[in-house]
Amino acid sequence: YFAIKQRKKEKLNAKTYLENPPQVSIIVPAYNEEVNAVSSLENLLLCDYPFFDIIFIDDGSTDNTFKTVKAAFENNPKLKIFTKPNGGKASALNYGIEKTDANYVVCIDADTKLLPDAVKELMKNFADENVGAVAGSVKVGNLVNILTKWQSIEYTTSQNFDRKGFAYPNAITVIPGAIGAFKKEAIIKADGFTTDTLAEDCDITIRILKAGYIIANEPNAQAYTEAPETLKQFFKQRLRWTFGVMQTFWKHKDALFVIKYKALGWIALPDILLFKYIIPLLSPVGDFFMFVGLFSDSRAKIGKYYLIFLLIDTLIGGLAFFFEKEKPWKLFWLIPQRIIYRWLMMIVLFRSYRRAIKGELQSWGVLKRTGNVKDIEMVRA
């Protein structure tokens, strides 16, 4: 409902490019990204925004990230290259923000490639002075196997679709690390990126909401990222995400059902609790009993209701694909993705709960990169 309302709102209030575009710094933190860094920076230099520079921060990599980037771009006036002792992504982002005089920053991951107009699309949202940050749209750029194709469906039907819906009541809780724009004063007012959770993107978004700003959504600002290509890497990434958002929810539990925080307290945080940490534990059980029920005398009734459920899920997925202008053939994978994904995420949830109960800390970790994100024109084709 909110996603449809937001789409109508976007059509009625079409945003235009800024008449006097301000300077923007694109902040690129990196740790052991020698496979992707040069290619991603070459892509960023294609940006068609008139006033931008790129600040690359090597966060104490143990590979040749810094040497490779410095050798490729040392004399490029658009690029400022720094290295620092390892301190984590939030630390690297804060370091990069300190190195710029620009009043606006775009933060991206070092494995991400942007469409040339992405920064321009993000920035037009700041015509509204109440906007503190803008979330872009992330897509999977390495459709190399069934796992990455399933993640592509998830990005479209869950992450991007959810952000469109939550934009309507101003309840977006995650500006994706792959692409997000920030008013520098909003970051300062929110006390910068912090290192006390593994979901620094979720944490800074909630703190900007708490500071009274609007978090806008810009579906036309598109970024292509490298999704995990193996189950081992997938579990590693999702455990970090799930545990990090759990930490962030606990950190901001003071806003839950508090009138002062409006949609954050009454829509966004309850959604995190219910749909990320309670229902995902139960939904695989529903699949199991549905399967068992097919061998009972009620198989016809159970099968009918389950087919209705799958039909509704497919229709909503189709709506998300329509909004994102995605190719409909990808929906072929939707039903097996939904069923198997539920079990995969239940494993991730159990591991996250176990770590939380035992009081263990989860390190940031490093995903092994393959460099399989294609050039933008190849991805779009």
Protein backbone atom coordinates (compact mmCIF):
# COMPACT_ATOMS: atom_id res chain seq x y z
CA TYR A 1 0.00 0.00 0.00
CA PHE A 2 2.73 2.47 0.98
CA ALA A 3 4.82 1.56 -2.09
CA ILE A 4 1.90 2.31 -4.42
CA LYS A 5 1.19 5.59 -2.58
CA GLN A 6 4.86 6.56 -2.81
CA ARG A 7 4.99 5.83 -6.54
CA LYS A 8 1.95 8.06 -7.12
CA LYS A 9 3.58 10.75 -4.98
CA GLU A 10 6.77 10.55 -7.05
CA LYS A 11 4.79 10.97 -10.27
CA LEU A 12 2.79 13.92 -8.95
CA ASN A 13 5.84 15.66 -7.47
CA ALA A 14 8.48 15.01 -10.09
CA LYS A 15 11.89 16.16 -8.84
CA THR A 16 14.09 18.32 -11.05
CA TYR A 17 17.85 18.69 -11.13
CA LEU A 18 19.32 21.45 -8.96
CA GLU A 19 19.87 24.79 -10.72
CA ASN A 20 23.04 25.51 -8.74
CA PRO A 21 24.56 22.09 -8.02
CA PRO A 22 26.79 22.11 -4.91
CA GLN A 23 30.14 20.35 -4.66
CA VAL A 24 29.86 16.65 -3.79
CA SER A 25 32.54 14.29 -2.51
CA ILE A 26 32.14 10.59 -3.27
CA ILE A 27 33.59 8.66 -0.32
CA VAL A 28 34.94 5.19 -1.11
CA PRO A 29 36.19 3.15 1.89
CA ALA A 30 38.06 -0.03 1.03
CA TYR A 31 39.62 -3.00 2.79
CA ASN A 32 41.34 -5.68 0.69
CA GLU A 33 39.57 -4.60 -2.50
CA GLU A 34 42.45 -4.82 -5.00
CA VAL A 35 40.26 -6.95 -7.30
CA ASN A 36 37.56 -4.29 -7.65
CA ALA A 37 39.00 -0.92 -6.60
CA VAL A 38 40.51 0.32 -9.89
CA SER A 39 37.53 -0.77 -11.98
CA SER A 40 35.07 0.86 -9.54
CA LEU A 41 37.01 4.13 -9.48
CA GLU A 42 37.23 4.20 -13.27
CA ASN A 43 33.45 3.80 -13.28
CA LEU A 44 33.02 6.70 -10.81
CA LEU A 45 35.08 8.99 -13.05
CA LEU A 46 32.31 8.61 -15.67
CA CYS A 47 29.92 10.45 -13.31
CA ASP A 48 28.07 13.23 -15.17
CA TYR A 49 27.47 15.39 -12.06
CA PRO A 50 29.21 18.73 -12.74
CA PHE A 51 31.04 19.29 -9.43
CA PHE A 52 32.46 16.23 -7.73
CA ASP A 53 35.63 14.69 -6.44
CA ILE A 54 36.41 11.19 -5.16
CA ILE A 55 37.98 10.44 -1.80
CA PHE A 56 39.38 6.91 -1.59
CA ILE A 57 40.32 5.58 1.86
CA ASP A 58 42.32 2.39 2.18
CA ASP A 59 41.47 1.09 5.66
CA GLY A 60 44.74 -0.69 6.39
CA SER A 61 44.39 -3.37 3.72
CA THR A 62 46.69 -6.37 3.92
CA ASP A 63 46.73 -6.81 0.15
CA ASN A 64 47.85 -4.37 -2.58
CA THR A 65 44.72 -2.20 -2.62
CA PHE A 66 46.49 1.05 -1.77
CA LYS A 67 49.47 0.47 -4.10
CA THR A 68 47.22 -0.54 -7.00
CA VAL A 69 44.93 2.48 -6.65
CA LYS A 70 47.82 4.91 -6.15
CA ALA A 71 49.63 3.60 -9.22
CA ALA A 72 46.50 3.96 -11.36
CA PHE A 73 45.22 7.36 -10.16
CA GLU A 74 48.03 9.21 -8.39
CA ASN A 75 48.00 12.09 -10.89
CA ASN A 76 44.24 12.30 -11.38
CA PRO A 77 42.98 15.68 -10.04
CA LYS A 78 39.53 14.23 -9.35
CA LEU A 79 40.87 11.63 -6.92
CA LYS A 80 42.30 12.00 -3.43
CA ILE A 81 43.87 8.78 -2.12
CA PHE A 82 44.47 8.10 1.57
CA THR A 83 45.49 5.16 3.70
CA LYS A 84 45.01 4.69 7.44
CA PRO A 85 45.37 1.95 10.08
CA ASN A 86 42.53 -0.56 10.01
CA GLY A 87 39.55 0.61 12.04
CA GLY A 88 36.50 -0.68 10.19
CA LYS A 89 34.19 0.79 7.60
CA ALA A 90 32.59 3.40 9.89
CA SER A 91 36.04 4.65 10.85
CA ALA A 92 37.08 4.91 7.18
CA LEU A 93 33.88 6.79 6.27
CA ASN A 94 34.43 9.30 9.08
CA TYR A 95 38.04 9.73 7.96
CA GLY A 96 36.94 10.47 4.39
CA ILE A 97 34.26 12.93 5.50
CA GLU A 98 36.87 14.81 7.54
CA LYS A 99 38.99 15.19 4.39
CA THR A 100 36.35 17.06 2.39
CA ASP A 101 35.07 20.63 2.46
CA ALA A 102 31.96 19.67 0.49
CA ASN A 103 28.58 20.04 2.22
CA TYR A 104 27.29 16.85 0.61
CA VAL A 105 28.82 13.39 0.41
CA VAL A 106 27.88 10.23 -1.47
CA CYS A 107 29.08 7.05 0.24
CA ILE A 108 29.55 3.87 -1.77
CA ASP A 109 31.25 0.48 -1.40
CA ALA A 110 34.50 -0.23 -3.22
CA ASP A 111 32.95 -3.14 -5.15
CA THR A 112 30.09 -0.99 -6.46
CA LYS A 113 29.54 0.56 -9.88
CA LEU A 114 27.16 3.50 -10.37
CA LEU A 115 25.25 4.59 -13.42
CA PRO A 116 26.73 7.89 -14.69
CA ASP A 117 23.66 9.90 -13.62
CA ALA A 118 23.33 8.30 -10.16
CA VAL A 119 24.87 11.19 -8.20
CA LYS A 120 22.79 13.72 -10.13
CA GLU A 121 19.63 11.73 -9.36
CA LEU A 122 20.50 11.52 -5.65
CA MET A 123 21.28 15.21 -5.33
CA LYS A 124 17.99 16.51 -6.73
CA ASN A 125 16.29 15.29 -3.54
CA PHE A 126 18.15 17.93 -1.51
CA ALA A 127 16.00 20.66 -3.05
CA ASP A 128 13.87 19.89 0.03
CA GLU A 129 15.82 21.41 2.94
CA ASN A 130 14.33 18.86 5.36
CA VAL A 131 16.02 15.95 3.57
CA GLY A 132 19.08 14.79 5.49
CA ALA A 133 19.99 11.75 3.39
CA VAL A 134 18.92 9.84 0.29
CA ALA A 135 18.90 6.10 -0.34
CA GLY A 136 19.72 4.87 -3.82
CA SER A 137 18.67 1.64 -5.52
CA VAL A 138 21.03 -1.37 -5.38
CA LYS A 139 21.04 -4.16 -7.93
CA VAL A 140 23.13 -7.31 -8.25
CA GLY A 141 25.76 -6.94 -10.95
CA ASN A 142 27.17 -10.48 -11.02
CA LEU A 143 24.37 -12.80 -12.14
CA VAL A 144 26.72 -15.77 -12.47
CA ASN A 145 24.81 -18.57 -10.72
CA ILE A 146 21.48 -19.41 -9.10
CA LEU A 147 22.48 -17.93 -5.74
CA THR A 148 23.28 -14.50 -7.18
CA LYS A 149 20.08 -14.64 -9.27
CA TRP A 150 18.09 -15.32 -6.10
CA GLN A 151 19.81 -12.39 -4.39
CA SER A 152 18.90 -10.22 -7.37
CA ILE A 153 15.23 -11.11 -6.80
CA GLU A 154 15.60 -10.30 -3.10
CA TYR A 155 17.15 -6.89 -3.81
CA THR A 156 14.24 -6.02 -6.12
CA THR A 157 11.26 -7.52 -4.29
CA SER A 158 12.41 -6.93 -0.71
CA GLN A 159 15.08 -4.30 -0.20
CA ASN A 160 14.27 -1.78 -2.96
CA PHE A 161 10.51 -2.39 -2.78
CA ASP A 162 10.54 -2.00 1.02
CA ARG A 163 12.46 1.27 0.79
CA LYS A 164 9.90 2.65 -1.65
CA GLY A 165 7.10 1.74 0.77
CA PHE A 166 8.83 3.05 3.88
CA ALA A 167 9.71 6.31 2.13
CA TYR A 168 6.04 7.34 2.21
CA PRO A 169 5.73 7.65 6.04
CA ASN A 170 9.45 8.60 6.39
CA ALA A 171 10.38 5.26 7.94
CA ILE A 172 13.41 4.13 5.91
CA THR A 173 15.89 2.53 8.33
CA VAL A 174 18.74 1.59 5.97
CA ILE A 175 20.51 3.81 3.48
CA PRO A 176 22.43 1.06 1.66
CA GLY A 177 26.19 1.15 2.03
CA ALA A 178 26.45 0.61 -1.73
CA ILE A 179 24.85 3.98 -2.56
CA GLY A 180 23.63 6.77 -0.33
CA ALA A 181 23.89 10.57 -0.25
CA PHE A 182 24.13 12.63 2.92
CA LYS A 183 23.94 16.26 3.91
CA LYS A 184 27.14 16.70 5.89
CA GLU A 185 25.36 18.70 8.61
CA ALA A 186 22.96 15.78 9.14
CA ILE A 187 25.88 13.39 9.67
CA ILE A 188 27.45 15.81 12.16
CA LYS A 189 24.14 16.32 13.97
CA ALA A 190 23.79 12.53 14.22
CA ASP A 191 27.37 12.27 15.64
CA GLY A 192 28.84 10.59 12.58
CA PHE A 193 29.24 6.93 11.71
CA THR A 194 29.78 4.76 14.78
CA THR A 195 31.71 1.54 15.32
CA ASP A 196 29.52 0.01 18.04
CA THR A 197 27.38 -1.98 15.58
CA LEU A 198 28.13 -3.98 12.44
CA ALA A 199 25.30 -2.21 10.60
CA GLU A 200 26.73 1.30 10.46
CA ASP A 201 24.42 2.12 7.52
CA CYS A 202 21.29 1.20 9.50
CA ASP A 203 22.56 2.96 12.64
CA ILE A 204 23.37 6.30 10.92
CA THR A 205 20.00 6.22 9.11
CA ILE A 206 18.05 5.80 12.35
CA ARG A 207 20.07 8.52 14.08
CA ILE A 208 19.41 10.94 11.19
CA LEU A 209 15.69 10.16 11.52
CA LYS A 210 15.92 10.79 15.27
CA ALA A 211 17.57 14.14 14.52
CA GLY A 212 14.39 15.20 12.72
CA TYR A 213 15.40 14.85 9.06
CA ILE A 214 13.60 13.19 6.16
CA ILE A 215 15.25 10.13 4.57
CA ALA A 216 14.38 10.23 0.87
CA ASN A 217 14.38 7.36 -1.60
CA GLU A 218 15.66 7.73 -5.15
CA PRO A 219 14.95 4.66 -7.34
CA ASN A 220 16.58 6.29 -10.37
CA ALA A 221 19.99 6.43 -8.66
CA GLN A 222 21.19 2.92 -9.43
CA ALA A 223 24.24 1.02 -8.23
CA TYR A 224 25.41 -2.47 -9.16
CA THR A 225 27.13 -4.47 -6.44
CA GLU A 226 28.91 -7.81 -6.17
CA ALA A 227 26.73 -10.33 -4.32
CA PRO A 228 28.25 -13.42 -2.65
CA GLU A 229 28.65 -16.24 -5.14
CA THR A 230 28.99 -19.14 -2.67
CA LEU A 231 26.88 -20.26 0.29
CA LYS A 232 29.84 -19.80 2.63
CA GLN A 233 30.25 -16.15 1.61
CA PHE A 234 26.46 -15.64 1.65
CA PHE A 235 26.17 -16.90 5.24
CA LYS A 236 29.13 -14.73 6.25
CA GLN A 237 27.56 -11.58 4.79
CA ARG A 238 24.06 -12.25 6.09
CA LEU A 239 25.24 -13.10 9.60
CA ARG A 240 27.00 -9.72 9.70
CA TRP A 241 23.91 -7.92 8.37
CA THR A 242 21.46 -9.74 10.64
CA PHE A 243 23.59 -9.46 13.77
CA GLY A 244 24.38 -5.81 12.98
CA VAL A 245 20.72 -4.83 12.56
CA MET A 246 19.93 -6.74 15.77
CA GLN A 247 22.57 -4.64 17.56
CA THR A 248 21.14 -1.47 16.02
CA PHE A 249 17.56 -2.33 17.02
CA TRP A 250 18.68 -2.91 20.61
CA LYS A 251 20.66 0.33 20.58
CA HIS A 252 17.58 2.33 19.51
CA LYS A 253 14.90 0.40 21.40
CA ASP A 254 14.20 3.62 23.35
CA ALA A 255 12.35 4.91 20.26
CA LEU A 256 9.96 1.91 20.04
CA PHE A 257 6.32 3.06 20.31
CA VAL A 258 7.36 6.58 21.31
CA ILE A 259 5.13 9.29 19.81
CA LYS A 260 8.03 11.74 19.48
CA TYR A 261 9.73 9.49 16.91
CA LYS A 262 6.61 9.15 14.72
CA ALA A 263 6.94 6.52 11.96
CA LEU A 264 10.34 5.39 13.22
CA GLY A 265 8.86 4.27 16.54
CA TRP A 266 5.50 3.03 15.27
CA ILE A 267 6.30 1.54 11.84
CA ALA A 268 10.03 1.08 11.18
CA LEU A 269 11.27 -0.43 14.44
CA PRO A 270 8.23 -2.72 14.91
CA ASP A 271 8.76 -3.88 11.33
CA ILE A 272 12.38 -4.80 12.10
CA LEU A 273 11.33 -6.77 15.19
CA LEU A 274 8.41 -8.58 13.60
CA PHE A 275 9.50 -9.18 10.02
CA LYS A 276 13.25 -9.65 10.48
CA TYR A 277 13.50 -11.51 13.78
CA ILE A 278 10.18 -13.20 14.63
CA ILE A 279 8.29 -14.21 11.46
CA PRO A 280 11.43 -15.51 9.62
CA LEU A 281 11.84 -18.05 12.44
CA LEU A 282 8.27 -19.29 11.97
CA SER A 283 7.78 -19.20 8.18
CA PRO A 284 9.98 -22.25 7.41
CA VAL A 285 7.90 -24.18 9.96
CA GLY A 286 4.84 -23.23 7.90
CA ASP A 287 6.49 -24.70 4.82
CA PHE A 288 7.25 -27.90 6.73
CA PHE A 289 3.68 -28.39 7.98
CA MET A 290 2.32 -27.55 4.54
CA PHE A 291 4.45 -30.37 3.12
CA VAL A 292 3.33 -32.78 5.86
CA GLY A 293 -0.28 -31.69 5.35
CA LEU A 294 -0.15 -32.74 1.70
CA PHE A 295 -0.12 -36.35 2.97
CA SER A 296 -3.18 -35.83 5.16
CA ASP A 297 -6.92 -35.90 4.41
CA SER A 298 -6.88 -32.08 4.23
CA ARG A 299 -4.40 -32.00 1.36
CA ALA A 300 -6.86 -30.34 -1.07
CA LYS A 301 -7.68 -27.47 1.30
CA ILE A 302 -4.04 -27.00 2.38
CA GLY A 303 -2.83 -27.08 -1.21
CA LYS A 304 -5.46 -24.52 -2.27
CA TYR A 305 -4.51 -22.02 0.45
CA TYR A 306 -0.81 -22.47 -0.19
CA LEU A 307 -1.30 -21.85 -3.92
CA ILE A 308 -3.25 -18.67 -3.08
CA PHE A 309 -0.37 -17.58 -0.85
CA LEU A 310 2.17 -18.24 -3.62
CA LEU A 311 -0.01 -16.40 -6.16
CA ILE A 312 -0.24 -13.31 -3.95
CA ASP A 313 3.50 -13.42 -3.31
CA THR A 314 4.17 -13.69 -7.06
CA LEU A 315 1.83 -10.78 -7.84
CA ILE A 316 3.56 -8.56 -5.30
CA GLY A 317 6.92 -9.65 -6.71
CA GLY A 318 5.65 -8.77 -10.18
CA LEU A 319 4.60 -5.33 -8.94
CA ALA A 320 8.10 -4.77 -7.53
CA PHE A 321 9.61 -5.85 -10.86
CA PHE A 322 7.28 -3.45 -12.69
CA PHE A 323 8.26 -0.55 -10.44
CA GLU A 324 11.97 -1.34 -10.97
CA LYS A 325 11.54 -1.96 -14.72
CA GLU A 326 13.19 -5.34 -14.29
CA LYS A 327 12.95 -8.06 -16.90
CA PRO A 328 9.96 -10.30 -15.99
CA TRP A 329 11.79 -13.54 -16.88
CA LYS A 330 13.65 -13.29 -13.56
CA LEU A 331 10.35 -14.01 -11.78
CA PHE A 332 10.78 -17.62 -12.94
CA TRP A 333 13.07 -18.10 -9.95
CA LEU A 334 10.76 -16.42 -7.41
CA ILE A 335 8.95 -19.41 -5.89
CA PRO A 336 12.00 -21.69 -5.38
CA GLN A 337 13.92 -18.64 -4.13
CA ARG A 338 11.25 -17.87 -1.55
CA ILE A 339 11.04 -21.43 -0.19
CA ILE A 340 14.77 -22.17 0.01
CA TYR A 341 15.69 -18.63 1.12
CA ARG A 342 13.41 -18.96 4.15
CA TRP A 343 15.44 -21.93 5.38
CA LEU A 344 18.77 -20.24 4.66
CA MET A 345 17.71 -17.14 6.60
CA MET A 346 16.45 -19.28 9.49
CA ILE A 347 19.98 -20.69 9.81
CA VAL A 348 21.38 -17.15 9.82
CA LEU A 349 18.85 -16.09 12.46
CA PHE A 350 19.68 -19.02 14.75
CA ARG A 351 23.37 -18.18 14.51
CA SER A 352 22.66 -14.51 15.26
CA TYR A 353 20.46 -15.35 18.26
CA ARG A 354 23.10 -17.75 19.56
CA ARG A 355 25.80 -15.09 19.36
CA ALA A 356 23.56 -12.53 21.04
CA ILE A 357 22.60 -14.91 23.88
CA LYS A 358 26.22 -15.96 24.43
CA GLY A 359 27.34 -12.32 24.28
CA GLU A 360 29.79 -13.00 21.46
CA LEU A 361 31.01 -10.26 19.17
CA GLN A 362 30.89 -10.64 15.41
CA SER A 363 33.84 -9.21 13.53
CA TRP A 364 33.31 -7.21 10.33
CA GLY A 365 34.91 -9.92 8.21
CA VAL A 366 35.99 -9.75 4.58
CA LEU A 367 34.12 -11.20 1.63
CA LYS A 368 36.28 -12.75 -1.04
CA ARG A 369 35.80 -10.63 -4.16
CA THR A 370 35.71 -12.04 -7.68
CA GLY A 371 35.46 -8.83 -9.71
CA ASN A 372 32.50 -10.28 -11.61
CA VAL A 373 30.41 -7.09 -11.63
CA LYS A 374 30.25 -6.35 -15.35
CA ASP A 375 30.65 -2.95 -16.94
CA ILE A 376 27.49 -0.95 -16.47
CA GLU A 377 26.33 -1.11 -20.08
CA MET A 378 26.80 -4.90 -20.09
CA VAL A 379 24.87 -5.22 -16.80
CA ARG A 380 21.94 -3.16 -18.09
CA ALA A 381 21.80 -5.15 -21.31
